[in-house]
Amino acid sequence: MTHAKNTPADKILAGPVHGRRTVVAQGRPSREEAEEAVRTLLRWAGDDPTREGLLGTPDRVVRSYEEFFAGYASDPMELLARTFEETDGYDEMVVLRDIRFESYCEHHMVPIIGVAHVAYLPRSRVVGISKLARVVEVYAKRLQIQEKMTSQIANTIDEVLQPLGVAVVIEASHQCMTTRGVHKPGVSMVTSRMLGAFRSDPSTRREFLAMIGNPSPAGSMF
């Protein structure tokens, strides 16, 4: 029988880069105020929020935002608290590839769409693989920049699981660059965060990169 272990909440500290469950500032607007803000933007864009086709738009936009930014209501460190120690001595890396995500640029509030590759080298315990995907999802469902999101995922896994190493690589397309500004479709950004053995041991890092296909488009941060 496999035994699960829960890390006590008081042992999981919220570091400044992790952004656990975000505390909403006092005076959070009401749903009605949020919908009125959408109407203001529609008027600013030059349209009439009272016309038939836009009457339901404020409600739909607010409901969409509840989904797009659901990550603010979740604590990614709690997702990793339940771990398993019975692994029959497994001590090789655990890799989860091609975790698709959709996030939003905190500068322009337009989509960032891509995939994340996550790996860790267990010290004595492992976590359910779905939890790794959920950690990616929690951080993606917030306003983000890719560099910060990469670090947050890696640092959270490292702090909670305390493995021998953590590696995170994210490849994504940014619509703030493809649909506005310089208008450069087909460009992807690659970011990485290597901790522990993945940073100090070149062979471990190479093994991980080989497993995920060794992404190396222009702009790679390796």
C-alpha atoms as a PDB file:
ATOM      1  CA  MET A   1       0.000   0.000   0.000  1.00  0.00           C
ATOM      2  CA  THR A   2       1.272   3.444  -0.899  1.00  0.00           C
ATOM      3  CA  HIS A   3       1.391   5.915   1.950  1.00  0.00           C
ATOM      4  CA  ALA A   4       0.703   9.555   1.375  1.00  0.00           C
ATOM      5  CA  LYS A   5       2.308  12.301   3.347  1.00  0.00           C
ATOM      6  CA  ASN A   6       0.901  15.763   3.853  1.00  0.00           C
ATOM      7  CA  THR A   7       3.292  18.610   4.477  1.00  0.00           C
ATOM      8  CA  PRO A   8       1.929  20.757   7.341  1.00  0.00           C
ATOM      9  CA  ALA A   9       0.705  24.116   6.167  1.00  0.00           C
ATOM     10  CA  ASP A  10       2.898  25.909   8.684  1.00  0.00           C
ATOM     11  CA  LYS A  11       5.942  24.310   7.052  1.00  0.00           C
ATOM     12  CA  ILE A  12       5.102  25.769   3.666  1.00  0.00           C
ATOM     13  CA  LEU A  13       6.217  29.364   3.607  1.00  0.00           C
ATOM     14  CA  ALA A  14       5.092  31.807   0.962  1.00  0.00           C
ATOM     15  CA  GLY A  15       8.184  33.273  -0.661  1.00  0.00           C
ATOM     16  CA  PRO A  16       7.932  36.579  -2.471  1.00  0.00           C
ATOM     17  CA  VAL A  17       8.220  34.991  -5.904  1.00  0.00           C
ATOM     18  CA  HIS A  18       5.731  32.212  -5.289  1.00  0.00           C
ATOM     19  CA  GLY A  19       2.554  34.251  -4.963  1.00  0.00           C
ATOM     20  CA  ARG A  20       0.462  31.758  -3.033  1.00  0.00           C
ATOM     21  CA  ARG A  21      -3.242  32.520  -2.806  1.00  0.00           C
ATOM     22  CA  THR A  22      -3.304  36.189  -3.686  1.00  0.00           C
ATOM     23  CA  VAL A  23      -4.903  38.512  -1.182  1.00  0.00           C
ATOM     24  CA  VAL A  24      -7.267  40.811  -3.015  1.00  0.00           C
ATOM     25  CA  ALA A  25      -6.818  44.423  -2.048  1.00  0.00           C
ATOM     26  CA  GLN A  26      -9.495  45.986   0.111  1.00  0.00           C
ATOM     27  CA  GLY A  27     -12.217  47.638  -1.883  1.00  0.00           C
ATOM     28  CA  ARG A  28     -12.436  45.028  -4.632  1.00  0.00           C
ATOM     29  CA  PRO A  29     -15.043  46.227  -7.134  1.00  0.00           C
ATOM     30  CA  SER A  30     -18.431  44.542  -7.139  1.00  0.00           C
ATOM     31  CA  ARG A  31     -19.624  42.483 -10.090  1.00  0.00           C
ATOM     32  CA  GLU A  32     -21.903  45.349 -11.084  1.00  0.00           C
ATOM     33  CA  GLU A  33     -18.959  47.760 -11.065  1.00  0.00           C
ATOM     34  CA  ALA A  34     -16.907  45.337 -13.178  1.00  0.00           C
ATOM     35  CA  GLU A  35     -19.708  45.095 -15.725  1.00  0.00           C
ATOM     36  CA  GLU A  36     -20.017  48.875 -15.835  1.00  0.00           C
ATOM     37  CA  ALA A  37     -16.256  49.089 -16.491  1.00  0.00           C
ATOM     38  CA  VAL A  38     -16.776  46.870 -19.543  1.00  0.00           C
ATOM     39  CA  ARG A  39     -19.516  49.194 -20.767  1.00  0.00           C
ATOM     40  CA  THR A  40     -17.090  52.101 -20.347  1.00  0.00           C
ATOM     41  CA  LEU A  41     -14.489  50.332 -22.482  1.00  0.00           C
ATOM     42  CA  LEU A  42     -17.096  49.579 -25.141  1.00  0.00           C
ATOM     43  CA  ARG A  43     -18.011  53.246 -25.289  1.00  0.00           C
ATOM     44  CA  TRP A  44     -14.316  54.203 -25.372  1.00  0.00           C
ATOM     45  CA  ALA A  45     -13.795  51.818 -28.293  1.00  0.00           C
ATOM     46  CA  GLY A  46     -16.510  53.686 -30.165  1.00  0.00           C
ATOM     47  CA  ASP A  47     -19.459  51.341 -29.846  1.00  0.00           C
ATOM     48  CA  ASP A  48     -22.820  51.480 -28.101  1.00  0.00           C
ATOM     49  CA  PRO A  49     -23.148  49.088 -25.132  1.00  0.00           C
ATOM     50  CA  THR A  50     -26.939  49.452 -25.233  1.00  0.00           C
ATOM     51  CA  ARG A  51     -27.340  47.982 -28.715  1.00  0.00           C
ATOM     52  CA  GLU A  52     -28.756  44.468 -28.941  1.00  0.00           C
ATOM     53  CA  GLY A  53     -25.524  42.671 -29.799  1.00  0.00           C
ATOM     54  CA  LEU A  54     -23.659  44.131 -26.815  1.00  0.00           C
ATOM     55  CA  LEU A  55     -26.326  44.039 -24.108  1.00  0.00           C
ATOM     56  CA  GLY A  56     -25.026  40.764 -22.682  1.00  0.00           C
ATOM     57  CA  THR A  57     -21.345  41.468 -23.317  1.00  0.00           C
ATOM     58  CA  PRO A  58     -20.472  42.938 -19.883  1.00  0.00           C
ATOM     59  CA  ASP A  59     -21.847  39.863 -18.104  1.00  0.00           C
ATOM     60  CA  ARG A  60     -20.054  37.511 -20.484  1.00  0.00           C
ATOM     61  CA  VAL A  61     -16.751  39.361 -20.124  1.00  0.00           C
ATOM     62  CA  VAL A  62     -16.904  39.270 -16.323  1.00  0.00           C
ATOM     63  CA  ARG A  63     -17.734  35.564 -16.334  1.00  0.00           C
ATOM     64  CA  SER A  64     -14.826  34.991 -18.716  1.00  0.00           C
ATOM     65  CA  TYR A  65     -12.480  36.869 -16.385  1.00  0.00           C
ATOM     66  CA  GLU A  66     -13.544  34.599 -13.525  1.00  0.00           C
ATOM     67  CA  GLU A  67     -12.256  31.689 -15.596  1.00  0.00           C
ATOM     68  CA  PHE A  68      -9.214  33.400 -17.087  1.00  0.00           C
ATOM     69  CA  PHE A  69      -7.927  34.516 -13.675  1.00  0.00           C
ATOM     70  CA  ALA A  70      -9.094  31.659 -11.460  1.00  0.00           C
ATOM     71  CA  GLY A  71      -5.508  31.122 -10.319  1.00  0.00           C
ATOM     72  CA  TYR A  72      -5.711  34.012  -7.870  1.00  0.00           C
ATOM     73  CA  ALA A  73      -8.079  31.956  -5.709  1.00  0.00           C
ATOM     74  CA  SER A  74      -5.808  28.894  -5.473  1.00  0.00           C
ATOM     75  CA  ASP A  75      -2.683  28.150  -3.456  1.00  0.00           C
ATOM     76  CA  PRO A  76      -0.216  26.243  -5.691  1.00  0.00           C
ATOM     77  CA  MET A  77       1.804  25.088  -2.700  1.00  0.00           C
ATOM     78  CA  GLU A  78      -1.191  23.339  -1.171  1.00  0.00           C
ATOM     79  CA  LEU A  79      -1.558  21.315  -4.376  1.00  0.00           C
ATOM     80  CA  LEU A  80       1.844  19.703  -3.751  1.00  0.00           C
ATOM     81  CA  ALA A  81       1.376  19.059  -0.033  1.00  0.00           C
ATOM     82  CA  ARG A  82       0.230  15.434  -0.472  1.00  0.00           C
ATOM     83  CA  THR A  83       3.255  13.323  -1.409  1.00  0.00           C
ATOM     84  CA  PHE A  84       4.211   9.639  -1.531  1.00  0.00           C
ATOM     85  CA  GLU A  85       7.340   8.052  -0.067  1.00  0.00           C
ATOM     86  CA  GLU A  86       6.889   4.457  -1.254  1.00  0.00           C
ATOM     87  CA  THR A  87       8.682   4.507  -4.598  1.00  0.00           C
ATOM     88  CA  ASP A  88      10.719   1.255  -4.440  1.00  0.00           C
ATOM     89  CA  GLY A  89      13.898   3.274  -4.606  1.00  0.00           C
ATOM     90  CA  TYR A  90      13.054   5.254  -7.739  1.00  0.00           C
ATOM     91  CA  ASP A  91      15.651   8.015  -7.983  1.00  0.00           C
ATOM     92  CA  GLU A  92      15.604   9.085 -11.627  1.00  0.00           C
ATOM     93  CA  MET A  93      14.042  12.271 -12.920  1.00  0.00           C
ATOM     94  CA  VAL A  94      10.291  12.660 -13.303  1.00  0.00           C
ATOM     95  CA  VAL A  95       9.369  14.629 -16.421  1.00  0.00           C
ATOM     96  CA  LEU A  96       6.001  15.967 -17.520  1.00  0.00           C
ATOM     97  CA  ARG A  97       6.145  17.300 -21.085  1.00  0.00           C
ATOM     98  CA  ASP A  98       3.900  19.510 -23.184  1.00  0.00           C
ATOM     99  CA  ILE A  99       1.587  20.863 -20.489  1.00  0.00           C
ATOM    100  CA  ARG A 100      -0.534  23.238 -22.539  1.00  0.00           C
ATOM    101  CA  PHE A 101      -1.516  26.490 -20.870  1.00  0.00           C
ATOM    102  CA  GLU A 102      -3.234  29.766 -21.624  1.00  0.00           C
ATOM    103  CA  SER A 103      -2.238  32.854 -19.685  1.00  0.00           C
ATOM    104  CA  TYR A 104      -2.550  36.617 -20.092  1.00  0.00           C
ATOM    105  CA  CYS A 105       0.179  39.214 -20.448  1.00  0.00           C
ATOM    106  CA  GLU A 106       0.125  41.571 -17.488  1.00  0.00           C
ATOM    107  CA  HIS A 107       1.215  44.462 -19.703  1.00  0.00           C
ATOM    108  CA  HIS A 108      -1.470  44.256 -22.410  1.00  0.00           C
ATOM    109  CA  MET A 109      -3.929  41.658 -21.048  1.00  0.00           C
ATOM    110  CA  VAL A 110      -3.800  39.591 -24.225  1.00  0.00           C
ATOM    111  CA  PRO A 111      -3.172  35.831 -24.419  1.00  0.00           C
ATOM    112  CA  ILE A 112       0.082  33.970 -23.891  1.00  0.00           C
ATOM    113  CA  ILE A 113      -0.393  30.461 -25.251  1.00  0.00           C
ATOM    114  CA  GLY A 114       2.190  27.721 -24.951  1.00  0.00           C
ATOM    115  CA  VAL A 115       3.453  24.578 -23.287  1.00  0.00           C
ATOM    116  CA  ALA A 116       5.432  23.943 -20.144  1.00  0.00           C
ATOM    117  CA  HIS A 117       7.866  21.094 -19.487  1.00  0.00           C
ATOM    118  CA  VAL A 118       8.427  20.289 -15.823  1.00  0.00           C
ATOM    119  CA  ALA A 119      10.914  17.898 -14.215  1.00  0.00           C
ATOM    120  CA  TYR A 120      12.226  17.118 -10.777  1.00  0.00           C
ATOM    121  CA  LEU A 121      14.746  14.678  -9.349  1.00  0.00           C
ATOM    122  CA  PRO A 122      13.150  13.072  -6.270  1.00  0.00           C
ATOM    123  CA  ARG A 123      15.043  13.012  -3.003  1.00  0.00           C
ATOM    124  CA  SER A 124      12.725  10.748  -1.011  1.00  0.00           C
ATOM    125  CA  ARG A 125       9.158  11.464  -2.105  1.00  0.00           C
ATOM    126  CA  VAL A 126       7.101  12.026  -5.222  1.00  0.00           C
ATOM    127  CA  VAL A 127       3.860  13.815  -6.025  1.00  0.00           C
ATOM    128  CA  GLY A 128       0.949  12.871  -8.261  1.00  0.00           C
ATOM    129  CA  ILE A 129       1.757  14.020 -11.799  1.00  0.00           C
ATOM    130  CA  SER A 130      -1.594  15.801 -12.166  1.00  0.00           C
ATOM    131  CA  LYS A 131      -0.483  18.111  -9.364  1.00  0.00           C
ATOM    132  CA  LEU A 132       2.444  19.333 -11.445  1.00  0.00           C
ATOM    133  CA  ALA A 133       0.045  20.233 -14.256  1.00  0.00           C
ATOM    134  CA  ARG A 134      -2.224  21.975 -11.769  1.00  0.00           C
ATOM    135  CA  VAL A 135       0.648  24.082 -10.466  1.00  0.00           C
ATOM    136  CA  VAL A 136       1.294  25.244 -14.023  1.00  0.00           C
ATOM    137  CA  GLU A 137      -2.412  25.990 -14.429  1.00  0.00           C
ATOM    138  CA  VAL A 138      -2.670  28.025 -11.217  1.00  0.00           C
ATOM    139  CA  TYR A 139       0.192  30.309 -12.173  1.00  0.00           C
ATOM    140  CA  ALA A 140      -1.018  30.542 -15.782  1.00  0.00           C
ATOM    141  CA  LYS A 141      -4.478  31.652 -14.673  1.00  0.00           C
ATOM    142  CA  ARG A 142      -3.091  34.965 -13.465  1.00  0.00           C
ATOM    143  CA  LEU A 143      -1.740  38.045 -15.177  1.00  0.00           C
ATOM    144  CA  GLN A 144       1.808  37.062 -16.020  1.00  0.00           C
ATOM    145  CA  ILE A 145       5.088  37.592 -17.740  1.00  0.00           C
ATOM    146  CA  GLN A 146       6.670  34.371 -18.923  1.00  0.00           C
ATOM    147  CA  GLU A 147       9.930  34.854 -17.027  1.00  0.00           C
ATOM    148  CA  LYS A 148       8.139  35.217 -13.698  1.00  0.00           C
ATOM    149  CA  MET A 149       5.801  32.305 -14.341  1.00  0.00           C
ATOM    150  CA  THR A 150       8.773  30.032 -15.122  1.00  0.00           C
ATOM    151  CA  SER A 151      10.472  30.914 -11.843  1.00  0.00           C
ATOM    152  CA  GLN A 152       7.283  30.618  -9.798  1.00  0.00           C
ATOM    153  CA  ILE A 153       6.594  27.079 -10.989  1.00  0.00           C
ATOM    154  CA  ALA A 154      10.171  25.907 -10.365  1.00  0.00           C
ATOM    155  CA  ASN A 155      10.545  27.631  -7.009  1.00  0.00           C
ATOM    156  CA  THR A 156       7.249  26.268  -5.697  1.00  0.00           C
ATOM    157  CA  ILE A 157       8.103  22.670  -6.615  1.00  0.00           C
ATOM    158  CA  ASP A 158      11.563  23.084  -5.117  1.00  0.00           C
ATOM    159  CA  GLU A 159      10.316  24.517  -1.833  1.00  0.00           C
ATOM    160  CA  VAL A 160       7.521  22.013  -1.215  1.00  0.00           C
ATOM    161  CA  LEU A 161       9.054  18.754  -2.491  1.00  0.00           C
ATOM    162  CA  GLN A 162      12.669  19.622  -1.619  1.00  0.00           C
ATOM    163  CA  PRO A 163      13.995  17.408  -4.433  1.00  0.00           C
ATOM    164  CA  LEU A 164      17.573  17.097  -5.653  1.00  0.00           C
ATOM    165  CA  GLY A 165      16.715  19.362  -8.551  1.00  0.00           C
ATOM    166  CA  VAL A 166      13.932  21.047 -10.518  1.00  0.00           C
ATOM    167  CA  ALA A 167      13.773  22.074 -14.160  1.00  0.00           C
ATOM    168  CA  VAL A 168      11.079  24.094 -15.923  1.00  0.00           C
ATOM    169  CA  VAL A 169      11.077  25.134 -19.570  1.00  0.00           C
ATOM    170  CA  ILE A 170       8.250  27.171 -21.097  1.00  0.00           C
ATOM    171  CA  GLU A 171       7.701  27.763 -24.814  1.00  0.00           C
ATOM    172  CA  ALA A 172       4.983  30.261 -25.675  1.00  0.00           C
ATOM    173  CA  SER A 173       3.591  32.673 -28.242  1.00  0.00           C
ATOM    174  CA  HIS A 174       2.660  36.148 -27.039  1.00  0.00           C
ATOM    175  CA  GLN A 175      -0.237  37.889 -28.750  1.00  0.00           C
ATOM    176  CA  CYS A 176       1.047  41.223 -27.483  1.00  0.00           C
ATOM    177  CA  MET A 177       3.771  40.665 -30.084  1.00  0.00           C
ATOM    178  CA  THR A 178       1.860  38.782 -32.788  1.00  0.00           C
ATOM    179  CA  THR A 179      -1.390  40.805 -32.992  1.00  0.00           C
ATOM    180  CA  ARG A 180      -0.167  44.283 -32.072  1.00  0.00           C
ATOM    181  CA  GLY A 181       3.053  46.274 -31.881  1.00  0.00           C
ATOM    182  CA  VAL A 182       5.678  44.694 -34.110  1.00  0.00           C
ATOM    183  CA  HIS A 183       3.168  42.115 -35.526  1.00  0.00           C
ATOM    184  CA  LYS A 184       5.560  39.161 -35.736  1.00  0.00           C
ATOM    185  CA  PRO A 185       3.521  35.931 -35.961  1.00  0.00           C
ATOM    186  CA  GLY A 186       5.307  32.615 -35.647  1.00  0.00           C
ATOM    187  CA  VAL A 187       7.722  33.839 -32.980  1.00  0.00           C
ATOM    188  CA  SER A 188       7.974  31.817 -29.771  1.00  0.00           C
ATOM    189  CA  MET A 189       9.716  32.676 -26.541  1.00  0.00           C
ATOM    190  CA  VAL A 190      11.592  30.068 -24.518  1.00  0.00           C
ATOM    191  CA  THR A 191      12.424  30.490 -20.839  1.00  0.00           C
ATOM    192  CA  SER A 192      14.028  28.098 -18.391  1.00  0.00           C
ATOM    193  CA  ARG A 193      14.660  27.741 -14.680  1.00  0.00           C
ATOM    194  CA  MET A 194      17.156  25.111 -13.504  1.00  0.00           C
ATOM    195  CA  LEU A 195      17.659  24.386  -9.824  1.00  0.00           C
ATOM    196  CA  GLY A 196      19.840  21.918  -7.913  1.00  0.00           C
ATOM    197  CA  ALA A 197      21.259  19.081 -10.001  1.00  0.00           C
ATOM    198  CA  PHE A 198      19.775  20.479 -13.208  1.00  0.00           C
ATOM    199  CA  ARG A 199      21.853  23.619 -12.741  1.00  0.00           C
ATOM    200  CA  SER A 200      25.048  22.103 -11.340  1.00  0.00           C
ATOM    201  CA  ASP A 201      25.279  18.887 -13.387  1.00  0.00           C
ATOM    202  CA  PRO A 202      25.519  19.394 -17.175  1.00  0.00           C
ATOM    203  CA  SER A 203      24.741  15.735 -17.891  1.00  0.00           C
ATOM    204  CA  THR A 204      21.492  15.892 -15.898  1.00  0.00           C
ATOM    205  CA  ARG A 205      20.515  19.068 -17.702  1.00  0.00           C
ATOM    206  CA  ARG A 206      21.322  17.550 -21.095  1.00  0.00           C
ATOM    207  CA  GLU A 207      19.258  14.451 -20.298  1.00  0.00           C
ATOM    208  CA  PHE A 208      16.262  16.612 -19.423  1.00  0.00           C
ATOM    209  CA  LEU A 209      16.595  18.780 -22.531  1.00  0.00           C
ATOM    210  CA  ALA A 210      16.886  15.662 -24.703  1.00  0.00           C
ATOM    211  CA  MET A 211      13.690  14.283 -23.146  1.00  0.00           C
ATOM    212  CA  ILE A 212      11.700  17.399 -24.014  1.00  0.00           C
ATOM    213  CA  GLY A 213      13.147  17.769 -27.489  1.00  0.00           C
ATOM    214  CA  ASN A 214      15.832  20.351 -26.668  1.00  0.00           C
ATOM    215  CA  PRO A 215      13.890  23.485 -27.668  1.00  0.00           C
ATOM    216  CA  SER A 216      16.216  26.124 -29.049  1.00  0.00           C
ATOM    217  CA  PRO A 217      14.393  28.747 -31.139  1.00  0.00           C
ATOM    218  CA  ALA A 218      15.694  32.295 -31.340  1.00  0.00           C
ATOM    219  CA  GLY A 219      15.325  33.991 -28.004  1.00  0.00           C
ATOM    220  CA  SER A 220      16.128  30.855 -26.006  1.00  0.00           C
ATOM    221  CA  MET A 221      17.320  31.607 -22.513  1.00  0.00           C
ATOM    222  CA  PHE A 222      19.420  28.412 -22.101  1.00  0.00           C
END
